[in-house]
């Protein structure tokens, strides 16, 4: 506050000056021996006008310097843009439209712990899921409104805000870069791909530096405190899948071949239960079913149980792995199935 230099009440002048001197002693390290207790204020003439002017000048210089520094370090807030916010929400821009993980790192299966939340682009994540039945939603649901995948049989029907699954988890894109690989890719939501919504995994698998995979992956337990879900009432996994040939040099016998990987709480890092499936026709939606009995143990050593225990499923991923290739792989729904 401004300092009163001249006043008919010298008591006010002296009090203000004392307060100013205290502020300056804090800012500049001045000795505060000259400060007096309030009980001794009856002799205001002990502070000269020259002292007041000197202190006032230093205080003004200090205030000006502080104001200048604040202006130089404060970043102005960006104005809200309703149009941009709408485009983010429907998945046309921002993280929902383009989840680039070219520099993301992650092991093939990650640790056995729950995956951390997906990284967003600086623009944020929006998105509007459109299910195969045509239903839509652009409102994020609370955690309490989700039902676990083994209760409904549905892991994701793509009716929820991307990257959320309809069973309350998140999709993530993971590459081999944590182990020095050079694969890169992008995971995004397409609202209308050959007539339906889809998560699209697109990128390049490189075998350089002993790498060689990229994948889309999601946890299965709804409750973060749970280690797994019990899917033993079901017979396997089914999913709607589509791919496009983007690499004319891909080995003909391997064209359309991809993997599904499942983790359990006991599997070690980079160990999983795996099955290789093949999509027969490009640019066409295809339903693929994989019985739990078809998954084979990989990478866990002799102590890893050879047979997948469907009562302990933690994480599931769709993977391009094992060979140099360009990937365009779309998933339009992921569920458990039962044979009656």
C-alpha atoms as a PDB file:
ATOM      1  CA  UNK A   1       0.000   0.000   0.000  1.00  0.00           C
ATOM      2  CA  UNK A   2       1.172   3.590  -0.586  1.00  0.00           C
ATOM      3  CA  UNK A   3       3.182   5.243   2.171  1.00  0.00           C
ATOM      4  CA  UNK A   4       1.853   8.458   3.636  1.00  0.00           C
ATOM      5  CA  UNK A   5       4.759  10.889   3.770  1.00  0.00           C
ATOM      6  CA  UNK A   6       2.915  14.079   4.724  1.00  0.00           C
ATOM      7  CA  UNK A   7       0.047  14.165   7.129  1.00  0.00           C
ATOM      8  CA  UNK A   8      -1.363  16.385   9.811  1.00  0.00           C
ATOM      9  CA  UNK A   9      -1.195  13.358  12.064  1.00  0.00           C
ATOM     10  CA  UNK A  10       2.509  12.548  12.392  1.00  0.00           C
ATOM     11  CA  UNK A  11       1.624   9.395  14.288  1.00  0.00           C
ATOM     12  CA  UNK A  12       0.185   7.911  11.077  1.00  0.00           C
ATOM     13  CA  UNK A  13       3.295   8.929   9.159  1.00  0.00           C
ATOM     14  CA  UNK A  14       5.589   7.281  11.655  1.00  0.00           C
ATOM     15  CA  UNK A  15       3.560   4.059  11.867  1.00  0.00           C
ATOM     16  CA  UNK A  16       3.525   3.710   8.084  1.00  0.00           C
ATOM     17  CA  UNK A  17       7.222   4.341   7.872  1.00  0.00           C
ATOM     18  CA  UNK A  18       7.945   1.750  10.548  1.00  0.00           C
ATOM     19  CA  UNK A  19       5.851  -0.781   8.672  1.00  0.00           C
ATOM     20  CA  UNK A  20       7.736   0.082   5.477  1.00  0.00           C
ATOM     21  CA  UNK A  21      11.074  -0.327   7.183  1.00  0.00           C
ATOM     22  CA  UNK A  22      10.044  -3.783   8.391  1.00  0.00           C
ATOM     23  CA  UNK A  23       9.097  -4.779   4.838  1.00  0.00           C
ATOM     24  CA  UNK A  24      12.434  -3.526   3.530  1.00  0.00           C
ATOM     25  CA  UNK A  25      14.393  -5.357   6.167  1.00  0.00           C
ATOM     26  CA  UNK A  26      12.787  -8.581   4.957  1.00  0.00           C
ATOM     27  CA  UNK A  27      13.358  -7.809   1.281  1.00  0.00           C
ATOM     28  CA  UNK A  28      16.889  -6.461   1.416  1.00  0.00           C
ATOM     29  CA  UNK A  29      18.276  -7.891   4.633  1.00  0.00           C
ATOM     30  CA  UNK A  30      18.437  -4.519   6.376  1.00  0.00           C
ATOM     31  CA  UNK A  31      19.056  -4.524  10.116  1.00  0.00           C
ATOM     32  CA  UNK A  32      15.862  -4.071  12.073  1.00  0.00           C
ATOM     33  CA  UNK A  33      17.387  -2.560  15.187  1.00  0.00           C
ATOM     34  CA  UNK A  34      15.730   0.753  14.370  1.00  0.00           C
ATOM     35  CA  UNK A  35      12.251  -0.749  14.771  1.00  0.00           C
ATOM     36  CA  UNK A  36      10.534   0.291  17.938  1.00  0.00           C
ATOM     37  CA  UNK A  37       7.717  -1.263  19.917  1.00  0.00           C
ATOM     38  CA  UNK A  38       4.282   0.282  19.760  1.00  0.00           C
ATOM     39  CA  UNK A  39       4.653   1.407  23.375  1.00  0.00           C
ATOM     40  CA  UNK A  40       7.360   3.875  22.335  1.00  0.00           C
ATOM     41  CA  UNK A  41       5.466   5.483  19.452  1.00  0.00           C
ATOM     42  CA  UNK A  42       4.780   8.670  21.417  1.00  0.00           C
ATOM     43  CA  UNK A  43       8.053  10.144  19.999  1.00  0.00           C
ATOM     44  CA  UNK A  44       7.450  10.115  16.215  1.00  0.00           C
ATOM     45  CA  UNK A  45      10.092  12.726  15.526  1.00  0.00           C
ATOM     46  CA  UNK A  46      12.822  10.095  15.957  1.00  0.00           C
ATOM     47  CA  UNK A  47      12.494   9.195  12.246  1.00  0.00           C
ATOM     48  CA  UNK A  48      13.696  11.967   9.936  1.00  0.00           C
ATOM     49  CA  UNK A  49      12.174  12.942   6.603  1.00  0.00           C
ATOM     50  CA  UNK A  50      15.372  11.870   4.811  1.00  0.00           C
ATOM     51  CA  UNK A  51      15.039   8.407   6.299  1.00  0.00           C
ATOM     52  CA  UNK A  52      11.403   8.249   5.208  1.00  0.00           C
ATOM     53  CA  UNK A  53      12.284   9.304   1.672  1.00  0.00           C
ATOM     54  CA  UNK A  54      15.113   6.779   1.466  1.00  0.00           C
ATOM     55  CA  UNK A  55      12.954   3.947   2.701  1.00  0.00           C
ATOM     56  CA  UNK A  56      10.084   4.963   0.434  1.00  0.00           C
ATOM     57  CA  UNK A  57      12.337   4.963  -2.609  1.00  0.00           C
ATOM     58  CA  UNK A  58      13.719   1.509  -1.812  1.00  0.00           C
ATOM     59  CA  UNK A  59      10.229   0.135  -1.237  1.00  0.00           C
ATOM     60  CA  UNK A  60       9.004   1.521  -4.558  1.00  0.00           C
ATOM     61  CA  UNK A  61      12.005  -0.002  -6.335  1.00  0.00           C
ATOM     62  CA  UNK A  62      11.293  -3.340  -4.665  1.00  0.00           C
ATOM     63  CA  UNK A  63       7.625  -3.245  -5.631  1.00  0.00           C
ATOM     64  CA  UNK A  64       8.456  -2.340  -9.230  1.00  0.00           C
ATOM     65  CA  UNK A  65      10.965  -5.194  -9.490  1.00  0.00           C
ATOM     66  CA  UNK A  66       8.490  -7.667  -8.026  1.00  0.00           C
ATOM     67  CA  UNK A  67       5.757  -6.510 -10.402  1.00  0.00           C
ATOM     68  CA  UNK A  68       8.077  -6.807 -13.407  1.00  0.00           C
ATOM     69  CA  UNK A  69       9.162 -10.304 -12.408  1.00  0.00           C
ATOM     70  CA  UNK A  70       5.559 -11.418 -11.932  1.00  0.00           C
ATOM     71  CA  UNK A  71       4.615 -10.195 -15.392  1.00  0.00           C
ATOM     72  CA  UNK A  72       7.555 -12.003 -16.991  1.00  0.00           C
ATOM     73  CA  UNK A  73       6.861 -15.347 -15.296  1.00  0.00           C
ATOM     74  CA  UNK A  74       3.077 -15.468 -15.426  1.00  0.00           C
ATOM     75  CA  UNK A  75       1.635 -17.272 -18.432  1.00  0.00           C
ATOM     76  CA  UNK A  76      -1.692 -15.823 -19.505  1.00  0.00           C
ATOM     77  CA  UNK A  77      -4.581 -18.257 -19.492  1.00  0.00           C
ATOM     78  CA  UNK A  78      -5.909 -19.279 -22.840  1.00  0.00           C
ATOM     79  CA  UNK A  79      -9.458 -18.359 -23.608  1.00  0.00           C
ATOM     80  CA  UNK A  80     -11.956 -21.170 -23.728  1.00  0.00           C
ATOM     81  CA  UNK A  81     -12.884 -22.158 -27.258  1.00  0.00           C
ATOM     82  CA  UNK A  82     -16.307 -23.763 -27.435  1.00  0.00           C
ATOM     83  CA  UNK A  83     -15.855 -24.925 -31.021  1.00  0.00           C
ATOM     84  CA  UNK A  84     -12.538 -26.629 -30.247  1.00  0.00           C
ATOM     85  CA  UNK A  85     -14.033 -28.205 -27.136  1.00  0.00           C
ATOM     86  CA  UNK A  86     -16.852 -29.674 -29.239  1.00  0.00           C
ATOM     87  CA  UNK A  87     -14.418 -31.116 -31.794  1.00  0.00           C
ATOM     88  CA  UNK A  88     -12.387 -32.700 -28.980  1.00  0.00           C
ATOM     89  CA  UNK A  89     -15.522 -34.207 -27.495  1.00  0.00           C
ATOM     90  CA  UNK A  90     -16.588 -35.934 -30.703  1.00  0.00           C
ATOM     91  CA  UNK A  91     -13.082 -37.226 -31.376  1.00  0.00           C
ATOM     92  CA  UNK A  92     -12.155 -35.074 -34.378  1.00  0.00           C
ATOM     93  CA  UNK A  93      -9.169 -33.424 -32.719  1.00  0.00           C
ATOM     94  CA  UNK A  94      -7.080 -33.944 -29.612  1.00  0.00           C
ATOM     95  CA  UNK A  95      -6.115 -37.178 -27.898  1.00  0.00           C
ATOM     96  CA  UNK A  96      -9.261 -39.063 -28.893  1.00  0.00           C
ATOM     97  CA  UNK A  97      -8.717 -38.369 -32.570  1.00  0.00           C
ATOM     98  CA  UNK A  98      -5.025 -39.099 -32.593  1.00  0.00           C
ATOM     99  CA  UNK A  99      -3.281 -40.970 -29.758  1.00  0.00           C
ATOM    100  CA  UNK A 100       0.250 -40.988 -31.072  1.00  0.00           C
ATOM    101  CA  UNK A 101       2.640 -43.190 -29.134  1.00  0.00           C
ATOM    102  CA  UNK A 102       5.592 -42.927 -31.486  1.00  0.00           C
ATOM    103  CA  UNK A 103       7.773 -42.190 -28.481  1.00  0.00           C
ATOM    104  CA  UNK A 104       5.827 -44.220 -25.946  1.00  0.00           C
ATOM    105  CA  UNK A 105       7.615 -46.925 -24.050  1.00  0.00           C
ATOM    106  CA  UNK A 106       6.308 -50.135 -22.625  1.00  0.00           C
ATOM    107  CA  UNK A 107       7.213 -53.746 -22.481  1.00  0.00           C
ATOM    108  CA  UNK A 108       5.329 -56.314 -24.506  1.00  0.00           C
ATOM    109  CA  UNK A 109       2.978 -56.940 -21.635  1.00  0.00           C
ATOM    110  CA  UNK A 110       4.158 -54.415 -19.080  1.00  0.00           C
ATOM    111  CA  UNK A 111       4.466 -55.206 -15.411  1.00  0.00           C
ATOM    112  CA  UNK A 112       1.948 -57.423 -13.673  1.00  0.00           C
ATOM    113  CA  UNK A 113       0.561 -54.342 -11.955  1.00  0.00           C
ATOM    114  CA  UNK A 114      -2.356 -52.354 -13.221  1.00  0.00           C
ATOM    115  CA  UNK A 115      -1.562 -50.109 -16.166  1.00  0.00           C
ATOM    116  CA  UNK A 116      -1.354 -46.372 -15.361  1.00  0.00           C
ATOM    117  CA  UNK A 117      -3.823 -44.017 -17.044  1.00  0.00           C
ATOM    118  CA  UNK A 118      -3.173 -43.461 -20.716  1.00  0.00           C
ATOM    119  CA  UNK A 119      -1.100 -40.429 -21.642  1.00  0.00           C
ATOM    120  CA  UNK A 120      -3.089 -37.677 -23.241  1.00  0.00           C
ATOM    121  CA  UNK A 121      -2.013 -35.193 -25.835  1.00  0.00           C
ATOM    122  CA  UNK A 122      -1.792 -31.638 -24.551  1.00  0.00           C
ATOM    123  CA  UNK A 123      -5.137 -30.947 -26.214  1.00  0.00           C
ATOM    124  CA  UNK A 124      -6.790 -33.479 -23.927  1.00  0.00           C
ATOM    125  CA  UNK A 125      -8.921 -36.519 -24.580  1.00  0.00           C
ATOM    126  CA  UNK A 126     -12.466 -36.320 -25.809  1.00  0.00           C
ATOM    127  CA  UNK A 127     -14.273 -38.581 -28.193  1.00  0.00           C
ATOM    128  CA  UNK A 128     -17.702 -40.006 -28.868  1.00  0.00           C
ATOM    129  CA  UNK A 129     -18.076 -43.764 -29.195  1.00  0.00           C
ATOM    130  CA  UNK A 130     -20.537 -45.162 -31.718  1.00  0.00           C
ATOM    131  CA  UNK A 131     -21.533 -48.766 -31.103  1.00  0.00           C
ATOM    132  CA  UNK A 132     -22.299 -51.365 -33.739  1.00  0.00           C
ATOM    133  CA  UNK A 133     -25.970 -50.903 -33.017  1.00  0.00           C
ATOM    134  CA  UNK A 134     -25.775 -47.193 -33.727  1.00  0.00           C
ATOM    135  CA  UNK A 135     -26.044 -46.022 -30.123  1.00  0.00           C
ATOM    136  CA  UNK A 136     -23.864 -43.095 -29.133  1.00  0.00           C
ATOM    137  CA  UNK A 137     -22.684 -41.316 -26.020  1.00  0.00           C
ATOM    138  CA  UNK A 138     -20.486 -38.300 -25.453  1.00  0.00           C
ATOM    139  CA  UNK A 139     -20.788 -38.178 -21.662  1.00  0.00           C
ATOM    140  CA  UNK A 140     -18.129 -39.768 -19.485  1.00  0.00           C
ATOM    141  CA  UNK A 141     -19.646 -42.173 -16.970  1.00  0.00           C
ATOM    142  CA  UNK A 142     -18.751 -42.392 -13.320  1.00  0.00           C
ATOM    143  CA  UNK A 143     -16.850 -45.495 -12.214  1.00  0.00           C
ATOM    144  CA  UNK A 144     -19.848 -46.676 -10.198  1.00  0.00           C
ATOM    145  CA  UNK A 145     -22.004 -46.849 -13.327  1.00  0.00           C
ATOM    146  CA  UNK A 146     -19.811 -49.477 -15.027  1.00  0.00           C
ATOM    147  CA  UNK A 147     -20.299 -53.223 -14.721  1.00  0.00           C
ATOM    148  CA  UNK A 148     -17.407 -55.666 -14.762  1.00  0.00           C
ATOM    149  CA  UNK A 149     -16.757 -57.448 -18.042  1.00  0.00           C
ATOM    150  CA  UNK A 150     -17.379 -60.939 -16.647  1.00  0.00           C
ATOM    151  CA  UNK A 151     -20.831 -59.851 -15.446  1.00  0.00           C
ATOM    152  CA  UNK A 152     -21.984 -58.646 -18.864  1.00  0.00           C
ATOM    153  CA  UNK A 153     -19.640 -60.704 -21.051  1.00  0.00           C
ATOM    154  CA  UNK A 154     -18.591 -57.473 -22.801  1.00  0.00           C
ATOM    155  CA  UNK A 155     -15.046 -56.129 -22.520  1.00  0.00           C
ATOM    156  CA  UNK A 156     -15.691 -53.258 -24.938  1.00  0.00           C
ATOM    157  CA  UNK A 157     -18.492 -52.511 -27.385  1.00  0.00           C
ATOM    158  CA  UNK A 158     -17.049 -49.050 -28.198  1.00  0.00           C
ATOM    159  CA  UNK A 159     -20.071 -47.151 -26.922  1.00  0.00           C
ATOM    160  CA  UNK A 160     -18.032 -45.142 -24.453  1.00  0.00           C
ATOM    161  CA  UNK A 161     -15.801 -42.100 -24.588  1.00  0.00           C
ATOM    162  CA  UNK A 162     -12.429 -43.073 -26.036  1.00  0.00           C
ATOM    163  CA  UNK A 163     -10.115 -44.364 -24.605  1.00  0.00           C
ATOM    164  CA  UNK A 164     -12.531 -45.789 -21.987  1.00  0.00           C
ATOM    165  CA  UNK A 165     -13.880 -49.304 -22.483  1.00  0.00           C
ATOM    166  CA  UNK A 166     -17.538 -50.059 -21.844  1.00  0.00           C
ATOM    167  CA  UNK A 167     -16.401 -52.123 -18.827  1.00  0.00           C
ATOM    168  CA  UNK A 168     -14.643 -49.222 -17.112  1.00  0.00           C
ATOM    169  CA  UNK A 169     -10.980 -49.515 -18.146  1.00  0.00           C
ATOM    170  CA  UNK A 170      -8.788 -47.729 -20.697  1.00  0.00           C
ATOM    171  CA  UNK A 171      -7.163 -48.704 -23.957  1.00  0.00           C
ATOM    172  CA  UNK A 172      -3.431 -48.039 -24.239  1.00  0.00           C
ATOM    173  CA  UNK A 173      -0.959 -48.143 -27.103  1.00  0.00           C
ATOM    174  CA  UNK A 174       2.354 -49.824 -26.242  1.00  0.00           C
ATOM    175  CA  UNK A 175       5.559 -50.317 -28.232  1.00  0.00           C
ATOM    176  CA  UNK A 176       8.887 -52.093 -27.822  1.00  0.00           C
ATOM    177  CA  UNK A 177      10.863 -48.907 -27.103  1.00  0.00           C
ATOM    178  CA  UNK A 178      11.408 -49.710 -23.432  1.00  0.00           C
ATOM    179  CA  UNK A 179      13.689 -52.526 -24.572  1.00  0.00           C
ATOM    180  CA  UNK A 180      15.467 -50.358 -27.141  1.00  0.00           C
ATOM    181  CA  UNK A 181      13.232 -51.159 -30.106  1.00  0.00           C
ATOM    182  CA  UNK A 182      12.232 -48.713 -32.806  1.00  0.00           C
ATOM    183  CA  UNK A 183       8.617 -49.672 -33.493  1.00  0.00           C
ATOM    184  CA  UNK A 184       6.110 -46.848 -33.392  1.00  0.00           C
ATOM    185  CA  UNK A 185       2.414 -46.428 -33.866  1.00  0.00           C
ATOM    186  CA  UNK A 186      -0.842 -44.667 -33.228  1.00  0.00           C
ATOM    187  CA  UNK A 187      -4.072 -45.713 -31.518  1.00  0.00           C
ATOM    188  CA  UNK A 188      -7.218 -43.820 -32.417  1.00  0.00           C
ATOM    189  CA  UNK A 189     -10.994 -44.107 -32.637  1.00  0.00           C
ATOM    190  CA  UNK A 190     -12.646 -44.185 -36.048  1.00  0.00           C
ATOM    191  CA  UNK A 191     -16.341 -43.381 -35.859  1.00  0.00           C
ATOM    192  CA  UNK A 192     -17.271 -45.033 -39.132  1.00  0.00           C
ATOM    193  CA  UNK A 193     -14.939 -47.671 -40.517  1.00  0.00           C
ATOM    194  CA  UNK A 194     -16.730 -49.847 -43.031  1.00  0.00           C
ATOM    195  CA  UNK A 195     -19.986 -49.144 -41.239  1.00  0.00           C
ATOM    196  CA  UNK A 196     -18.974 -49.300 -37.577  1.00  0.00           C
ATOM    197  CA  UNK A 197     -16.895 -47.685 -34.858  1.00  0.00           C
ATOM    198  CA  UNK A 198     -13.413 -49.086 -34.298  1.00  0.00           C
ATOM    199  CA  UNK A 199     -10.181 -48.673 -32.397  1.00  0.00           C
ATOM    200  CA  UNK A 200      -7.474 -48.483 -35.052  1.00  0.00           C
ATOM    201  CA  UNK A 201      -3.901 -49.564 -34.332  1.00  0.00           C
ATOM    202  CA  UNK A 202      -1.641 -48.184 -37.042  1.00  0.00           C
ATOM    203  CA  UNK A 203       2.132 -48.009 -37.275  1.00  0.00           C
ATOM    204  CA  UNK A 204       5.347 -49.772 -38.143  1.00  0.00           C
ATOM    205  CA  UNK A 205       6.832 -52.854 -36.443  1.00  0.00           C
ATOM    206  CA  UNK A 206      10.629 -52.842 -36.573  1.00  0.00           C
ATOM    207  CA  UNK A 207      12.955 -55.683 -35.567  1.00  0.00           C
ATOM    208  CA  UNK A 208      15.843 -53.279 -35.035  1.00  0.00           C
ATOM    209  CA  UNK A 209      17.625 -53.483 -31.675  1.00  0.00           C
ATOM    210  CA  UNK A 210      15.879 -56.750 -30.815  1.00  0.00           C
ATOM    211  CA  UNK A 211      12.465 -55.112 -30.810  1.00  0.00           C
ATOM    212  CA  UNK A 212       9.448 -56.056 -32.811  1.00  0.00           C
ATOM    213  CA  UNK A 213       5.899 -55.268 -31.610  1.00  0.00           C
ATOM    214  CA  UNK A 214       3.153 -52.746 -31.065  1.00  0.00           C
ATOM    215  CA  UNK A 215      -0.208 -53.398 -29.461  1.00  0.00           C
ATOM    216  CA  UNK A 216      -3.487 -52.080 -28.085  1.00  0.00           C
ATOM    217  CA  UNK A 217      -4.091 -53.343 -24.558  1.00  0.00           C
ATOM    218  CA  UNK A 218      -6.568 -52.970 -21.697  1.00  0.00           C
ATOM    219  CA  UNK A 219      -6.864 -54.202 -18.129  1.00  0.00           C
ATOM    220  CA  UNK A 220      -9.893 -56.335 -17.222  1.00  0.00           C
ATOM    221  CA  UNK A 221     -10.720 -55.821 -13.499  1.00  0.00           C
ATOM    222  CA  UNK A 222     -13.086 -52.927 -12.882  1.00  0.00           C
ATOM    223  CA  UNK A 223     -11.858 -52.451  -9.324  1.00  0.00           C
ATOM    224  CA  UNK A 224      -8.203 -51.413  -9.206  1.00  0.00           C
ATOM    225  CA  UNK A 225      -7.744 -53.423  -5.999  1.00  0.00           C
ATOM    226  CA  UNK A 226      -8.621 -56.664  -7.780  1.00  0.00           C
ATOM    227  CA  UNK A 227      -5.794 -58.633  -9.364  1.00  0.00           C
ATOM    228  CA  UNK A 228      -7.915 -60.406 -11.976  1.00  0.00           C
ATOM    229  CA  UNK A 229     -11.383 -61.354 -13.201  1.00  0.00           C
ATOM    230  CA  UNK A 230     -12.937 -64.821 -13.220  1.00  0.00           C
ATOM    231  CA  UNK A 231     -14.054 -65.708 -16.753  1.00  0.00           C
ATOM    232  CA  UNK A 232     -14.313 -69.447 -16.112  1.00  0.00           C
ATOM    233  CA  UNK A 233     -18.039 -69.370 -16.941  1.00  0.00           C
ATOM    234  CA  UNK A 234     -17.083 -68.589 -20.527  1.00  0.00           C
ATOM    235  CA  UNK A 235     -15.306 -70.637 -23.197  1.00  0.00           C
ATOM    236  CA  UNK A 236     -13.129 -68.006 -24.801  1.00  0.00           C
ATOM    237  CA  UNK A 237     -12.698 -64.561 -26.366  1.00  0.00           C
ATOM    238  CA  UNK A 238     -14.377 -63.266 -29.506  1.00  0.00           C
ATOM    239  CA  UNK A 239     -13.713 -60.026 -31.327  1.00  0.00           C
ATOM    240  CA  UNK A 240     -14.617 -58.139 -34.495  1.00  0.00           C
ATOM    241  CA  UNK A 241     -11.500 -57.382 -36.498  1.00  0.00           C
ATOM    242  CA  UNK A 242     -10.510 -55.751 -39.798  1.00  0.00           C
ATOM    243  CA  UNK A 243      -7.124 -55.144 -41.363  1.00  0.00           C
ATOM    244  CA  UNK A 244      -5.766 -53.424 -44.407  1.00  0.00           C
ATOM    245  CA  UNK A 245      -2.711 -54.466 -46.389  1.00  0.00           C
ATOM    246  CA  UNK A 246      -0.276 -51.560 -46.234  1.00  0.00           C
ATOM    247  CA  UNK A 247       2.948 -53.484 -46.816  1.00  0.00           C
ATOM    248  CA  UNK A 248       3.223 -55.193 -50.199  1.00  0.00           C
ATOM    249  CA  UNK A 249       6.523 -56.751 -49.098  1.00  0.00           C
ATOM    250  CA  UNK A 250       5.015 -58.653 -46.179  1.00  0.00           C
ATOM    251  CA  UNK A 251       5.572 -62.404 -46.364  1.00  0.00           C
ATOM    252  CA  UNK A 252       2.508 -63.873 -48.088  1.00  0.00           C
ATOM    253  CA  UNK A 253       2.127 -66.668 -45.553  1.00  0.00           C
ATOM    254  CA  UNK A 254       2.037 -64.114 -42.728  1.00  0.00           C
ATOM    255  CA  UNK A 255      -0.293 -61.551 -44.263  1.00  0.00           C
ATOM    256  CA  UNK A 256      -3.161 -60.900 -41.862  1.00  0.00           C
ATOM    257  CA  UNK A 257      -1.476 -62.742 -38.970  1.00  0.00           C
ATOM    258  CA  UNK A 258      -1.610 -61.087 -35.553  1.00  0.00           C
ATOM    259  CA  UNK A 259      -1.544 -62.122 -31.910  1.00  0.00           C
ATOM    260  CA  UNK A 260      -3.803 -61.972 -28.896  1.00  0.00           C
ATOM    261  CA  UNK A 261      -2.001 -61.920 -25.542  1.00  0.00           C
ATOM    262  CA  UNK A 262      -3.498 -62.479 -22.087  1.00  0.00           C
ATOM    263  CA  UNK A 263      -1.800 -61.764 -18.781  1.00  0.00           C
ATOM    264  CA  UNK A 264      -2.564 -63.282 -15.396  1.00  0.00           C
ATOM    265  CA  UNK A 265      -1.402 -61.915 -12.012  1.00  0.00           C
ATOM    266  CA  UNK A 266       1.409 -64.459 -11.792  1.00  0.00           C
ATOM    267  CA  UNK A 267       3.013 -63.955 -15.189  1.00  0.00           C
ATOM    268  CA  UNK A 268       6.417 -62.303 -15.240  1.00  0.00           C
ATOM    269  CA  UNK A 269       7.224 -59.224 -17.298  1.00  0.00           C
ATOM    270  CA  UNK A 270       7.185 -60.023 -21.028  1.00  0.00           C
ATOM    271  CA  UNK A 271       5.547 -63.373 -20.284  1.00  0.00           C
ATOM    272  CA  UNK A 272       1.991 -64.030 -21.395  1.00  0.00           C
ATOM    273  CA  UNK A 273      -0.446 -66.547 -22.817  1.00  0.00           C
ATOM    274  CA  UNK A 274      -0.524 -66.108 -26.581  1.00  0.00           C
ATOM    275  CA  UNK A 275      -2.494 -67.136 -29.628  1.00  0.00           C
ATOM    276  CA  UNK A 276      -1.792 -66.253 -33.252  1.00  0.00           C
ATOM    277  CA  UNK A 277      -4.857 -65.651 -35.420  1.00  0.00           C
ATOM    278  CA  UNK A 278      -5.165 -64.935 -39.103  1.00  0.00           C
ATOM    279  CA  UNK A 279      -7.635 -62.618 -40.814  1.00  0.00           C
ATOM    280  CA  UNK A 280      -8.580 -64.140 -44.153  1.00  0.00           C
ATOM    281  CA  UNK A 281      -9.901 -61.134 -46.084  1.00  0.00           C
ATOM    282  CA  UNK A 282      -8.619 -57.536 -45.909  1.00  0.00           C
ATOM    283  CA  UNK A 283     -10.999 -54.562 -45.690  1.00  0.00           C
ATOM    284  CA  UNK A 284     -13.794 -56.780 -44.371  1.00  0.00           C
ATOM    285  CA  UNK A 285     -15.066 -57.146 -40.823  1.00  0.00           C
ATOM    286  CA  UNK A 286     -14.520 -60.643 -39.509  1.00  0.00           C
ATOM    287  CA  UNK A 287     -15.592 -62.332 -36.276  1.00  0.00           C
ATOM    288  CA  UNK A 288     -12.813 -64.377 -34.671  1.00  0.00           C
ATOM    289  CA  UNK A 289     -13.234 -66.703 -31.697  1.00  0.00           C
ATOM    290  CA  UNK A 290     -10.338 -67.980 -29.636  1.00  0.00           C
ATOM    291  CA  UNK A 291     -11.050 -70.695 -27.025  1.00  0.00           C
ATOM    292  CA  UNK A 292      -9.133 -70.302 -23.773  1.00  0.00           C
ATOM    293  CA  UNK A 293      -7.625 -73.715 -24.482  1.00  0.00           C
ATOM    294  CA  UNK A 294      -5.815 -72.303 -27.540  1.00  0.00           C
ATOM    295  CA  UNK A 295      -3.637 -69.898 -25.568  1.00  0.00           C
ATOM    296  CA  UNK A 296      -0.067 -71.093 -24.986  1.00  0.00           C
ATOM    297  CA  UNK A 297       2.345 -70.031 -22.252  1.00  0.00           C
ATOM    298  CA  UNK A 298       5.245 -67.917 -23.473  1.00  0.00           C
ATOM    299  CA  UNK A 299       8.302 -66.437 -21.784  1.00  0.00           C
ATOM    300  CA  UNK A 300       7.626 -67.468 -18.213  1.00  0.00           C
ATOM    301  CA  UNK A 301      10.097 -70.331 -17.864  1.00  0.00           C
ATOM    302  CA  UNK A 302       9.425 -73.758 -16.342  1.00  0.00           C
ATOM    303  CA  UNK A 303       7.511 -72.318 -13.375  1.00  0.00           C
ATOM    304  CA  UNK A 304       4.828 -70.764 -15.579  1.00  0.00           C
ATOM    305  CA  UNK A 305       1.676 -72.943 -15.740  1.00  0.00           C
ATOM    306  CA  UNK A 306       1.381 -74.234 -19.319  1.00  0.00           C
ATOM    307  CA  UNK A 307      -2.418 -73.852 -19.423  1.00  0.00           C
ATOM    308  CA  UNK A 308      -4.233 -70.542 -19.132  1.00  0.00           C
ATOM    309  CA  UNK A 309      -6.416 -70.341 -16.026  1.00  0.00           C
ATOM    310  CA  UNK A 310      -9.577 -68.506 -17.143  1.00  0.00           C
ATOM    311  CA  UNK A 311     -10.427 -67.700 -13.541  1.00  0.00           C
ATOM    312  CA  UNK A 312      -7.420 -65.360 -13.322  1.00  0.00           C
ATOM    313  CA  UNK A 313      -7.392 -62.967 -16.265  1.00  0.00           C
ATOM    314  CA  UNK A 314      -5.790 -59.580 -15.758  1.00  0.00           C
ATOM    315  CA  UNK A 315      -5.023 -57.966 -19.112  1.00  0.00           C
ATOM    316  CA  UNK A 316      -5.699 -58.550 -22.792  1.00  0.00           C
ATOM    317  CA  UNK A 317      -3.986 -57.156 -25.866  1.00  0.00           C
ATOM    318  CA  UNK A 318      -4.144 -57.349 -29.659  1.00  0.00           C
ATOM    319  CA  UNK A 319      -0.616 -57.304 -31.035  1.00  0.00           C
ATOM    320  CA  UNK A 320       1.386 -56.924 -34.220  1.00  0.00           C
ATOM    321  CA  UNK A 321       4.588 -58.786 -33.428  1.00  0.00           C
ATOM    322  CA  UNK A 322       7.558 -60.778 -34.675  1.00  0.00           C
ATOM    323  CA  UNK A 323       8.214 -59.460 -38.166  1.00  0.00           C
ATOM    324  CA  UNK A 324       8.889 -56.228 -40.005  1.00  0.00           C
ATOM    325  CA  UNK A 325       5.534 -54.896 -41.138  1.00  0.00           C
ATOM    326  CA  UNK A 326       3.269 -51.909 -41.506  1.00  0.00           C
ATOM    327  CA  UNK A 327       0.155 -52.341 -39.413  1.00  0.00           C
ATOM    328  CA  UNK A 328      -3.413 -51.191 -39.918  1.00  0.00           C
ATOM    329  CA  UNK A 329      -5.561 -53.204 -37.553  1.00  0.00           C
ATOM    330  CA  UNK A 330      -9.079 -52.256 -36.428  1.00  0.00           C
ATOM    331  CA  UNK A 331     -11.024 -53.743 -33.529  1.00  0.00           C
ATOM    332  CA  UNK A 332     -14.800 -53.214 -33.471  1.00  0.00           C
ATOM    333  CA  UNK A 333     -15.776 -55.151 -30.336  1.00  0.00           C
ATOM    334  CA  UNK A 334     -14.277 -57.477 -27.732  1.00  0.00           C
ATOM    335  CA  UNK A 335     -16.273 -60.004 -25.682  1.00  0.00           C
ATOM    336  CA  UNK A 336     -16.298 -63.316 -23.883  1.00  0.00           C
ATOM    337  CA  UNK A 337     -18.344 -66.077 -25.475  1.00  0.00           C
ATOM    338  CA  UNK A 338     -19.905 -69.348 -24.372  1.00  0.00           C
ATOM    339  CA  UNK A 339     -20.786 -72.428 -26.390  1.00  0.00           C
ATOM    340  CA  UNK A 340     -24.129 -73.832 -25.263  1.00  0.00           C
END
